[in-house]
Amino acid sequence: MRRRGTLKFSQEMVRPYAIKGHKRKKREENYDREEVEQSLEEGTGGTAAQDEKAEETTLELPGIPIVPSNSNNKTGVTFILERACLEVAKVGKTYQLLSSEDHANFLRKNNKNPADYRPDILHQALLAILDSPLNKAGRVRAVYVRTEKGVPFEVKPHVRIPRTYKRFSGIITVQLLQKLSITAVGKQEKLLRVIKNPVTQYLPVNSRKIGFSYSSEKSIPMRDYVAAVSDDVDLVFVVGAMAHGKINNDYTDDFIAISGYPLSAAWCTFLICGALMQKWNIF
């Protein structure tokens, strides 16, 4: 009888198999790399360490490129957006910026008029100012906002405001109105910060303050008004950022109407920037 032998396999004959593990996920691209990245915790189930880490996280707002030339020696323009409706309330388990579109039922239950809650008006006006060639040329000195309750805050001209209203409301709710400032990551500069009243203490000494209202008796096209102003005078424009009503003109030097029709805050700032671009040859 033939004796059976054992087969011996060398290591070279054995096919190596890799140990199965979790595949490395591809890094997802951001929705919009130009947008402001947020890492805000909306839930309430985090640990204490996570909450502490979230508090230390700051929001990075990349700056709009402006011309770093001799614009400091030239006159500039300052914008004050008055009566912006920025009110935060706890809706469900989270604090949210109230708006007529998202919180109409909540506002009615609390005996408030939803038409008065339009924070999107401020968002549109800020985009019109900060995205303008006037700002990119370095002629916008500062932008100030005063809420309906009289709380003022400063917006740096080189800040990049989020493109979408959802992200804008997130930084206003969590960062600005609760922490009173927004600081760029890796920098000490505060891009948005709550300041003290009155807002007039931050304005240039030789500035001319102009308010706008459709009901004003003085009606003049914007390009004709700025053309008549001396080149050595800094201009301050006070624009209403509310759905309806009039701004407080106690500290304005002039009160004008620049159209025969009621204008939105965004369109009003667009006409202002366009007239100044024509005056200062900015294209």
C-alpha atoms as a PDB file:
ATOM      1  CA  MET A   1       0.000   0.000   0.000  1.00  0.00           C
ATOM      2  CA  ARG A   2       1.266   3.388  -0.983  1.00  0.00           C
ATOM      3  CA  ARG A   3       1.995   5.606   1.982  1.00  0.00           C
ATOM      4  CA  ARG A   4       0.292   8.937   1.979  1.00  0.00           C
ATOM      5  CA  GLY A   5       2.517  11.905   2.587  1.00  0.00           C
ATOM      6  CA  THR A   6       1.699  15.344   3.835  1.00  0.00           C
ATOM      7  CA  LEU A   7       1.884  18.227   1.482  1.00  0.00           C
ATOM      8  CA  LYS A   8       4.029  21.098   2.576  1.00  0.00           C
ATOM      9  CA  PHE A   9       3.344  24.595   1.251  1.00  0.00           C
ATOM     10  CA  SER A  10       5.996  27.194   1.293  1.00  0.00           C
ATOM     11  CA  GLN A  11       5.205  30.747   2.193  1.00  0.00           C
ATOM     12  CA  GLU A  12       5.750  31.764  -1.411  1.00  0.00           C
ATOM     13  CA  MET A  13       2.897  29.547  -2.553  1.00  0.00           C
ATOM     14  CA  VAL A  14       0.411  30.946  -0.082  1.00  0.00           C
ATOM     15  CA  ARG A  15      -1.597  33.881  -1.415  1.00  0.00           C
ATOM     16  CA  PRO A  16      -1.495  36.737   1.039  1.00  0.00           C
ATOM     17  CA  TYR A  17      -4.804  38.264   2.022  1.00  0.00           C
ATOM     18  CA  ALA A  18      -5.154  41.690   3.530  1.00  0.00           C
ATOM     19  CA  ILE A  19      -7.094  42.048   6.694  1.00  0.00           C
ATOM     20  CA  LYS A  20     -10.430  43.638   6.014  1.00  0.00           C
ATOM     21  CA  GLY A  21     -10.976  46.975   7.636  1.00  0.00           C
ATOM     22  CA  HIS A  22     -12.867  50.181   7.209  1.00  0.00           C
ATOM     23  CA  LYS A  23     -12.207  51.844   3.944  1.00  0.00           C
ATOM     24  CA  ARG A  24     -11.028  55.382   4.168  1.00  0.00           C
ATOM     25  CA  LYS A  25     -13.801  57.661   3.163  1.00  0.00           C
ATOM     26  CA  LYS A  26     -13.105  60.267   0.594  1.00  0.00           C
ATOM     27  CA  ARG A  27     -13.099  63.732   1.978  1.00  0.00           C
ATOM     28  CA  GLU A  28     -16.306  65.419   1.039  1.00  0.00           C
ATOM     29  CA  GLU A  29     -16.061  68.728  -0.645  1.00  0.00           C
ATOM     30  CA  ASN A  30     -17.641  71.705   0.960  1.00  0.00           C
ATOM     31  CA  TYR A  31     -20.934  72.946  -0.431  1.00  0.00           C
ATOM     32  CA  ASP A  32     -19.365  76.254  -1.358  1.00  0.00           C
ATOM     33  CA  ARG A  33     -15.710  76.901  -0.618  1.00  0.00           C
ATOM     34  CA  GLU A  34     -16.288  80.621  -0.852  1.00  0.00           C
ATOM     35  CA  GLU A  35     -18.878  80.450   1.852  1.00  0.00           C
ATOM     36  CA  VAL A  36     -18.198  80.841   5.513  1.00  0.00           C
ATOM     37  CA  GLU A  37     -17.619  77.436   7.167  1.00  0.00           C
ATOM     38  CA  GLN A  38     -19.647  76.837  10.263  1.00  0.00           C
ATOM     39  CA  SER A  39     -19.232  74.181  12.915  1.00  0.00           C
ATOM     40  CA  LEU A  40     -22.078  75.043  15.205  1.00  0.00           C
ATOM     41  CA  GLU A  41     -23.654  72.503  17.502  1.00  0.00           C
ATOM     42  CA  GLU A  42     -27.461  72.740  17.270  1.00  0.00           C
ATOM     43  CA  GLY A  43     -28.207  69.647  19.327  1.00  0.00           C
ATOM     44  CA  THR A  44     -28.254  69.344  23.081  1.00  0.00           C
ATOM     45  CA  GLY A  45     -26.855  65.816  23.468  1.00  0.00           C
ATOM     46  CA  GLY A  46     -23.136  66.647  23.344  1.00  0.00           C
ATOM     47  CA  THR A  47     -20.700  65.980  26.131  1.00  0.00           C
ATOM     48  CA  ALA A  48     -19.231  68.669  28.326  1.00  0.00           C
ATOM     49  CA  ALA A  49     -15.904  68.385  26.513  1.00  0.00           C
ATOM     50  CA  GLN A  50     -17.603  68.882  23.157  1.00  0.00           C
ATOM     51  CA  ASP A  51     -19.471  71.910  24.434  1.00  0.00           C
ATOM     52  CA  GLU A  52     -16.261  73.410  25.749  1.00  0.00           C
ATOM     53  CA  LYS A  53     -14.538  72.806  22.437  1.00  0.00           C
ATOM     54  CA  ALA A  54     -17.429  74.408  20.563  1.00  0.00           C
ATOM     55  CA  GLU A  55     -17.154  77.528  22.692  1.00  0.00           C
ATOM     56  CA  GLU A  56     -13.476  77.862  21.801  1.00  0.00           C
ATOM     57  CA  THR A  57     -14.209  77.517  18.079  1.00  0.00           C
ATOM     58  CA  THR A  58     -14.257  80.782  16.199  1.00  0.00           C
ATOM     59  CA  LEU A  59     -15.813  81.496  12.853  1.00  0.00           C
ATOM     60  CA  GLU A  60     -13.550  82.214   9.932  1.00  0.00           C
ATOM     61  CA  LEU A  61     -14.761  84.831   7.502  1.00  0.00           C
ATOM     62  CA  PRO A  62     -12.362  85.222   4.580  1.00  0.00           C
ATOM     63  CA  GLY A  63     -11.851  88.830   3.588  1.00  0.00           C
ATOM     64  CA  ILE A  64     -13.008  90.438   0.382  1.00  0.00           C
ATOM     65  CA  PRO A  65      -9.960  91.503  -1.642  1.00  0.00           C
ATOM     66  CA  ILE A  66      -9.563  95.266  -1.638  1.00  0.00           C
ATOM     67  CA  VAL A  67      -6.937  97.445  -3.211  1.00  0.00           C
ATOM     68  CA  PRO A  68      -4.188  98.120  -0.603  1.00  0.00           C
ATOM     69  CA  SER A  69      -3.236 101.431  -2.206  1.00  0.00           C
ATOM     70  CA  ASN A  70      -3.219 105.013  -0.985  1.00  0.00           C
ATOM     71  CA  SER A  71      -6.977 104.937  -0.342  1.00  0.00           C
ATOM     72  CA  ASN A  72      -6.370 106.045   3.257  1.00  0.00           C
ATOM     73  CA  ASN A  73      -5.563 109.519   1.962  1.00  0.00           C
ATOM     74  CA  LYS A  74      -8.893 109.767   0.171  1.00  0.00           C
ATOM     75  CA  THR A  75     -12.348 110.519   1.454  1.00  0.00           C
ATOM     76  CA  GLY A  76     -14.579 107.553   2.068  1.00  0.00           C
ATOM     77  CA  VAL A  77     -18.112 106.531   2.859  1.00  0.00           C
ATOM     78  CA  THR A  78     -19.720 105.030   5.956  1.00  0.00           C
ATOM     79  CA  PHE A  79     -23.028 103.184   6.027  1.00  0.00           C
ATOM     80  CA  ILE A  80     -25.422 102.973   8.977  1.00  0.00           C
ATOM     81  CA  LEU A  81     -28.234 100.446   8.590  1.00  0.00           C
ATOM     82  CA  GLU A  82     -30.961 101.449  11.029  1.00  0.00           C
ATOM     83  CA  ARG A  83     -33.797  99.492  12.684  1.00  0.00           C
ATOM     84  CA  ALA A  84     -32.661  96.030  11.595  1.00  0.00           C
ATOM     85  CA  CYS A  85     -34.960  93.396  13.062  1.00  0.00           C
ATOM     86  CA  LEU A  86     -32.612  90.916  14.718  1.00  0.00           C
ATOM     87  CA  GLU A  87     -34.411  89.122  17.517  1.00  0.00           C
ATOM     88  CA  VAL A  88     -33.411  85.715  18.847  1.00  0.00           C
ATOM     89  CA  ALA A  89     -35.839  83.394  20.638  1.00  0.00           C
ATOM     90  CA  LYS A  90     -35.842  79.786  21.768  1.00  0.00           C
ATOM     91  CA  VAL A  91     -37.928  77.821  19.290  1.00  0.00           C
ATOM     92  CA  GLY A  92     -38.169  74.197  20.352  1.00  0.00           C
ATOM     93  CA  LYS A  93     -34.771  73.241  21.744  1.00  0.00           C
ATOM     94  CA  THR A  94     -32.596  75.764  19.915  1.00  0.00           C
ATOM     95  CA  TYR A  95     -32.213  79.513  19.743  1.00  0.00           C
ATOM     96  CA  GLN A  96     -33.085  80.908  16.328  1.00  0.00           C
ATOM     97  CA  LEU A  97     -33.161  84.246  14.558  1.00  0.00           C
ATOM     98  CA  LEU A  98     -36.842  85.034  14.130  1.00  0.00           C
ATOM     99  CA  SER A  99     -38.112  85.647  10.607  1.00  0.00           C
ATOM    100  CA  SER A 100     -41.545  85.936   9.056  1.00  0.00           C
ATOM    101  CA  GLU A 101     -40.803  83.111   6.634  1.00  0.00           C
ATOM    102  CA  ASP A 102     -39.687  80.473   9.132  1.00  0.00           C
ATOM    103  CA  HIS A 103     -41.497  81.467  12.333  1.00  0.00           C
ATOM    104  CA  ALA A 104     -44.850  82.932  11.291  1.00  0.00           C
ATOM    105  CA  ASN A 105     -46.902  80.626  13.540  1.00  0.00           C
ATOM    106  CA  PHE A 106     -44.544  81.101  16.478  1.00  0.00           C
ATOM    107  CA  LEU A 107     -44.786  84.891  16.149  1.00  0.00           C
ATOM    108  CA  ARG A 108     -48.578  84.856  15.948  1.00  0.00           C
ATOM    109  CA  LYS A 109     -48.809  82.713  19.076  1.00  0.00           C
ATOM    110  CA  ASN A 110     -46.743  85.328  20.893  1.00  0.00           C
ATOM    111  CA  ASN A 111     -48.936  88.198  19.616  1.00  0.00           C
ATOM    112  CA  LYS A 112     -46.303  89.582  17.266  1.00  0.00           C
ATOM    113  CA  ASN A 113     -46.683  90.730  13.693  1.00  0.00           C
ATOM    114  CA  PRO A 114     -44.695  88.417  11.382  1.00  0.00           C
ATOM    115  CA  ALA A 115     -44.335  91.216   8.798  1.00  0.00           C
ATOM    116  CA  ASP A 116     -42.026  93.103  11.194  1.00  0.00           C
ATOM    117  CA  TYR A 117     -39.484  90.270  11.368  1.00  0.00           C
ATOM    118  CA  ARG A 118     -37.400  90.588   8.212  1.00  0.00           C
ATOM    119  CA  PRO A 119     -33.696  89.988   8.986  1.00  0.00           C
ATOM    120  CA  ASP A 120     -33.218  89.080   5.335  1.00  0.00           C
ATOM    121  CA  ILE A 121     -33.426  92.812   4.525  1.00  0.00           C
ATOM    122  CA  LEU A 122     -30.202  93.390   6.452  1.00  0.00           C
ATOM    123  CA  HIS A 123     -28.541  90.417   4.765  1.00  0.00           C
ATOM    124  CA  GLN A 124     -29.345  91.750   1.299  1.00  0.00           C
ATOM    125  CA  ALA A 125     -28.165  95.276   2.160  1.00  0.00           C
ATOM    126  CA  LEU A 126     -24.844  94.038   3.552  1.00  0.00           C
ATOM    127  CA  LEU A 127     -24.199  91.969   0.438  1.00  0.00           C
ATOM    128  CA  ALA A 128     -24.942  94.991  -1.771  1.00  0.00           C
ATOM    129  CA  ILE A 129     -22.435  97.144   0.138  1.00  0.00           C
ATOM    130  CA  LEU A 130     -19.635  94.671   0.767  1.00  0.00           C
ATOM    131  CA  ASP A 131     -19.710  93.143  -2.724  1.00  0.00           C
ATOM    132  CA  SER A 132     -19.640  96.515  -4.480  1.00  0.00           C
ATOM    133  CA  PRO A 133     -16.595  97.753  -6.446  1.00  0.00           C
ATOM    134  CA  LEU A 134     -16.749 100.779  -4.154  1.00  0.00           C
ATOM    135  CA  ASN A 135     -15.793  98.587  -1.213  1.00  0.00           C
ATOM    136  CA  LYS A 136     -13.210  96.631  -3.193  1.00  0.00           C
ATOM    137  CA  ALA A 137     -11.553  99.931  -4.071  1.00  0.00           C
ATOM    138  CA  GLY A 138     -11.159 100.640  -0.349  1.00  0.00           C
ATOM    139  CA  ARG A 139     -13.583 103.574  -0.186  1.00  0.00           C
ATOM    140  CA  VAL A 140     -16.027 102.029   2.341  1.00  0.00           C
ATOM    141  CA  ARG A 141     -14.667 103.114   5.724  1.00  0.00           C
ATOM    142  CA  ALA A 142     -17.081 101.246   7.980  1.00  0.00           C
ATOM    143  CA  VAL A 143     -20.529  99.662   8.174  1.00  0.00           C
ATOM    144  CA  TYR A 144     -22.636  99.968  11.319  1.00  0.00           C
ATOM    145  CA  VAL A 145     -25.933  98.278  12.108  1.00  0.00           C
ATOM    146  CA  ARG A 146     -28.462  99.279  14.747  1.00  0.00           C
ATOM    147  CA  THR A 147     -31.174  96.805  15.659  1.00  0.00           C
ATOM    148  CA  GLU A 148     -34.799  97.643  16.307  1.00  0.00           C
ATOM    149  CA  LYS A 149     -34.022  97.585  20.021  1.00  0.00           C
ATOM    150  CA  GLY A 150     -31.123 100.017  19.592  1.00  0.00           C
ATOM    151  CA  VAL A 151     -28.193  97.584  19.861  1.00  0.00           C
ATOM    152  CA  PRO A 152     -25.371  98.724  17.542  1.00  0.00           C
ATOM    153  CA  PHE A 153     -22.673  96.530  16.050  1.00  0.00           C
ATOM    154  CA  GLU A 154     -19.850  97.073  13.593  1.00  0.00           C
ATOM    155  CA  VAL A 155     -19.174  95.122  10.397  1.00  0.00           C
ATOM    156  CA  LYS A 156     -15.640  95.354   9.020  1.00  0.00           C
ATOM    157  CA  PRO A 157     -15.594  96.281   5.311  1.00  0.00           C
ATOM    158  CA  HIS A 158     -13.271  93.377   4.405  1.00  0.00           C
ATOM    159  CA  VAL A 159     -15.468  90.700   5.970  1.00  0.00           C
ATOM    160  CA  ARG A 160     -17.103  88.196   3.641  1.00  0.00           C
ATOM    161  CA  ILE A 161     -20.741  87.808   4.607  1.00  0.00           C
ATOM    162  CA  PRO A 162     -22.242  84.346   3.930  1.00  0.00           C
ATOM    163  CA  ARG A 163     -24.000  84.116   0.580  1.00  0.00           C
ATOM    164  CA  THR A 164     -27.033  82.260   1.913  1.00  0.00           C
ATOM    165  CA  TYR A 165     -29.462  83.589   4.498  1.00  0.00           C
ATOM    166  CA  LYS A 166     -29.384  80.323   6.470  1.00  0.00           C
ATOM    167  CA  ARG A 167     -25.672  80.643   7.214  1.00  0.00           C
ATOM    168  CA  PHE A 168     -26.023  84.356   7.839  1.00  0.00           C
ATOM    169  CA  SER A 169     -28.704  83.772  10.476  1.00  0.00           C
ATOM    170  CA  GLY A 170     -26.500  81.125  12.084  1.00  0.00           C
ATOM    171  CA  ILE A 171     -23.571  83.450  12.711  1.00  0.00           C
ATOM    172  CA  ILE A 172     -25.851  86.276  13.844  1.00  0.00           C
ATOM    173  CA  THR A 173     -27.674  84.020  16.324  1.00  0.00           C
ATOM    174  CA  VAL A 174     -24.882  81.932  17.825  1.00  0.00           C
ATOM    175  CA  GLN A 175     -21.813  84.086  17.356  1.00  0.00           C
ATOM    176  CA  LEU A 176     -22.744  87.770  17.356  1.00  0.00           C
ATOM    177  CA  LEU A 177     -25.870  88.232  19.475  1.00  0.00           C
ATOM    178  CA  GLN A 178     -24.838  85.666  22.102  1.00  0.00           C
ATOM    179  CA  LYS A 179     -21.034  86.020  22.165  1.00  0.00           C
ATOM    180  CA  LEU A 180     -21.060  89.708  21.111  1.00  0.00           C
ATOM    181  CA  SER A 181     -18.327  89.299  18.502  1.00  0.00           C
ATOM    182  CA  ILE A 182     -17.014  87.164  15.645  1.00  0.00           C
ATOM    183  CA  THR A 183     -13.253  86.684  15.394  1.00  0.00           C
ATOM    184  CA  ALA A 184     -11.345  85.327  12.409  1.00  0.00           C
ATOM    185  CA  VAL A 185      -9.535  82.045  12.980  1.00  0.00           C
ATOM    186  CA  GLY A 186      -5.841  82.610  13.692  1.00  0.00           C
ATOM    187  CA  LYS A 187      -6.273  86.348  14.044  1.00  0.00           C
ATOM    188  CA  GLN A 188      -7.109  88.735  16.846  1.00  0.00           C
ATOM    189  CA  GLU A 189      -9.226  91.035  14.686  1.00  0.00           C
ATOM    190  CA  LYS A 190     -12.938  91.069  15.421  1.00  0.00           C
ATOM    191  CA  LEU A 191     -14.792  91.081  12.141  1.00  0.00           C
ATOM    192  CA  LEU A 192     -18.194  91.734  13.666  1.00  0.00           C
ATOM    193  CA  ARG A 193     -18.615  93.121  17.169  1.00  0.00           C
ATOM    194  CA  VAL A 194     -21.259  94.742  19.320  1.00  0.00           C
ATOM    195  CA  ILE A 195     -20.332  98.339  20.206  1.00  0.00           C
ATOM    196  CA  LYS A 196     -21.614 101.012  22.561  1.00  0.00           C
ATOM    197  CA  ASN A 197     -24.135 103.743  21.816  1.00  0.00           C
ATOM    198  CA  PRO A 198     -24.226 106.306  20.378  1.00  0.00           C
ATOM    199  CA  VAL A 199     -23.002 105.223  16.981  1.00  0.00           C
ATOM    200  CA  THR A 200     -22.146 108.827  16.092  1.00  0.00           C
ATOM    201  CA  GLN A 201     -19.002 108.670  18.259  1.00  0.00           C
ATOM    202  CA  TYR A 202     -17.399 106.358  15.666  1.00  0.00           C
ATOM    203  CA  LEU A 203     -18.066 108.638  12.685  1.00  0.00           C
ATOM    204  CA  PRO A 204     -15.443 110.925  11.075  1.00  0.00           C
ATOM    205  CA  VAL A 205     -15.339 114.449  12.442  1.00  0.00           C
ATOM    206  CA  ASN A 206     -15.865 116.207   9.129  1.00  0.00           C
ATOM    207  CA  SER A 207     -18.526 113.802   7.901  1.00  0.00           C
ATOM    208  CA  ARG A 208     -21.856 114.716   6.381  1.00  0.00           C
ATOM    209  CA  LYS A 209     -24.700 112.461   7.496  1.00  0.00           C
ATOM    210  CA  ILE A 210     -27.523 111.831   5.026  1.00  0.00           C
ATOM    211  CA  GLY A 211     -30.755 110.006   5.809  1.00  0.00           C
ATOM    212  CA  PHE A 212     -33.227 108.569   3.310  1.00  0.00           C
ATOM    213  CA  SER A 213     -36.998 108.415   3.238  1.00  0.00           C
ATOM    214  CA  TYR A 214     -39.583 108.129   0.485  1.00  0.00           C
ATOM    215  CA  SER A 215     -41.733 110.687   2.333  1.00  0.00           C
ATOM    216  CA  SER A 216     -39.016 113.349   2.435  1.00  0.00           C
ATOM    217  CA  GLU A 217     -39.939 116.685   0.838  1.00  0.00           C
ATOM    218  CA  LYS A 218     -36.453 117.027  -0.623  1.00  0.00           C
ATOM    219  CA  SER A 219     -36.258 114.827  -3.700  1.00  0.00           C
ATOM    220  CA  ILE A 220     -33.048 114.637  -5.723  1.00  0.00           C
ATOM    221  CA  PRO A 221     -31.304 111.985  -7.849  1.00  0.00           C
ATOM    222  CA  MET A 222     -28.449 110.325  -6.007  1.00  0.00           C
ATOM    223  CA  ARG A 223     -25.848 111.105  -8.662  1.00  0.00           C
ATOM    224  CA  ASP A 224     -26.712 114.835  -8.554  1.00  0.00           C
ATOM    225  CA  TYR A 225     -26.539 114.921  -4.767  1.00  0.00           C
ATOM    226  CA  VAL A 226     -23.081 113.343  -4.419  1.00  0.00           C
ATOM    227  CA  ALA A 227     -21.739 115.376  -7.344  1.00  0.00           C
ATOM    228  CA  ALA A 228     -22.478 118.593  -5.442  1.00  0.00           C
ATOM    229  CA  VAL A 229     -20.641 117.427  -2.293  1.00  0.00           C
ATOM    230  CA  SER A 230     -17.045 118.563  -1.816  1.00  0.00           C
ATOM    231  CA  ASP A 231     -14.344 115.948  -2.335  1.00  0.00           C
ATOM    232  CA  ASP A 232     -12.809 116.553   1.092  1.00  0.00           C
ATOM    233  CA  VAL A 233     -15.972 115.578   2.990  1.00  0.00           C
ATOM    234  CA  ASP A 234     -16.562 112.040   4.281  1.00  0.00           C
ATOM    235  CA  LEU A 235     -20.108 110.864   3.627  1.00  0.00           C
ATOM    236  CA  VAL A 236     -22.280 108.900   6.045  1.00  0.00           C
ATOM    237  CA  PHE A 237     -25.460 107.345   4.648  1.00  0.00           C
ATOM    238  CA  VAL A 238     -28.219 106.260   7.029  1.00  0.00           C
ATOM    239  CA  VAL A 239     -30.479 103.649   5.431  1.00  0.00           C
ATOM    240  CA  GLY A 240     -33.442 101.871   6.982  1.00  0.00           C
ATOM    241  CA  ALA A 241     -33.149  98.069   7.152  1.00  0.00           C
ATOM    242  CA  MET A 242     -36.761  97.452   8.213  1.00  0.00           C
ATOM    243  CA  ALA A 243     -39.815  96.303   6.282  1.00  0.00           C
ATOM    244  CA  HIS A 244     -41.769  99.546   6.776  1.00  0.00           C
ATOM    245  CA  GLY A 245     -41.576 102.779   8.717  1.00  0.00           C
ATOM    246  CA  LYS A 246     -39.086 105.640   8.957  1.00  0.00           C
ATOM    247  CA  ILE A 247     -35.610 105.940  10.397  1.00  0.00           C
ATOM    248  CA  ASN A 248     -34.645 108.245  13.236  1.00  0.00           C
ATOM    249  CA  ASN A 249     -33.210 111.400  11.684  1.00  0.00           C
ATOM    250  CA  ASP A 250     -32.124 113.124  14.889  1.00  0.00           C
ATOM    251  CA  TYR A 251     -28.411 112.930  14.033  1.00  0.00           C
ATOM    252  CA  THR A 252     -28.617 113.405  10.246  1.00  0.00           C
ATOM    253  CA  ASP A 253     -27.562 116.638   8.533  1.00  0.00           C
ATOM    254  CA  ASP A 254     -29.802 116.056   5.534  1.00  0.00           C
ATOM    255  CA  PHE A 255     -32.905 114.001   4.820  1.00  0.00           C
ATOM    256  CA  ILE A 256     -33.641 113.227   1.180  1.00  0.00           C
ATOM    257  CA  ALA A 257     -35.660 111.055  -1.190  1.00  0.00           C
ATOM    258  CA  ILE A 258     -33.741 109.655  -4.163  1.00  0.00           C
ATOM    259  CA  SER A 259     -36.676 108.102  -6.001  1.00  0.00           C
ATOM    260  CA  GLY A 260     -40.346 108.684  -6.616  1.00  0.00           C
ATOM    261  CA  TYR A 261     -40.997 105.111  -5.499  1.00  0.00           C
ATOM    262  CA  PRO A 262     -40.377 103.282  -2.217  1.00  0.00           C
ATOM    263  CA  LEU A 263     -37.047 101.436  -2.375  1.00  0.00           C
ATOM    264  CA  SER A 264     -35.680  98.432  -0.547  1.00  0.00           C
ATOM    265  CA  ALA A 265     -32.547  98.853   1.544  1.00  0.00           C
ATOM    266  CA  ALA A 266     -30.519  96.806  -0.935  1.00  0.00           C
ATOM    267  CA  TRP A 267     -31.635  98.908  -3.896  1.00  0.00           C
ATOM    268  CA  CYS A 268     -31.022 102.135  -1.997  1.00  0.00           C
ATOM    269  CA  THR A 269     -27.441 101.115  -1.153  1.00  0.00           C
ATOM    270  CA  PHE A 270     -26.971 100.028  -4.768  1.00  0.00           C
ATOM    271  CA  LEU A 271     -27.894 103.519  -6.001  1.00  0.00           C
ATOM    272  CA  ILE A 272     -25.576 105.111  -3.432  1.00  0.00           C
ATOM    273  CA  CYS A 273     -22.623 102.924  -4.428  1.00  0.00           C
ATOM    274  CA  GLY A 274     -23.296 103.503  -8.134  1.00  0.00           C
ATOM    275  CA  ALA A 275     -23.397 107.295  -7.738  1.00  0.00           C
ATOM    276  CA  LEU A 276     -20.155 107.345  -5.740  1.00  0.00           C
ATOM    277  CA  MET A 277     -18.439 105.052  -8.228  1.00  0.00           C
ATOM    278  CA  GLN A 278     -19.336 107.514 -10.960  1.00  0.00           C
ATOM    279  CA  LYS A 279     -18.122 110.464  -8.878  1.00  0.00           C
ATOM    280  CA  TRP A 280     -14.792 108.825  -7.997  1.00  0.00           C
ATOM    281  CA  ASN A 281     -14.273 107.073 -11.358  1.00  0.00           C
ATOM    282  CA  ILE A 282     -14.414 103.531  -9.950  1.00  0.00           C
ATOM    283  CA  PHE A 283     -15.289 100.800 -12.437  1.00  0.00           C
END
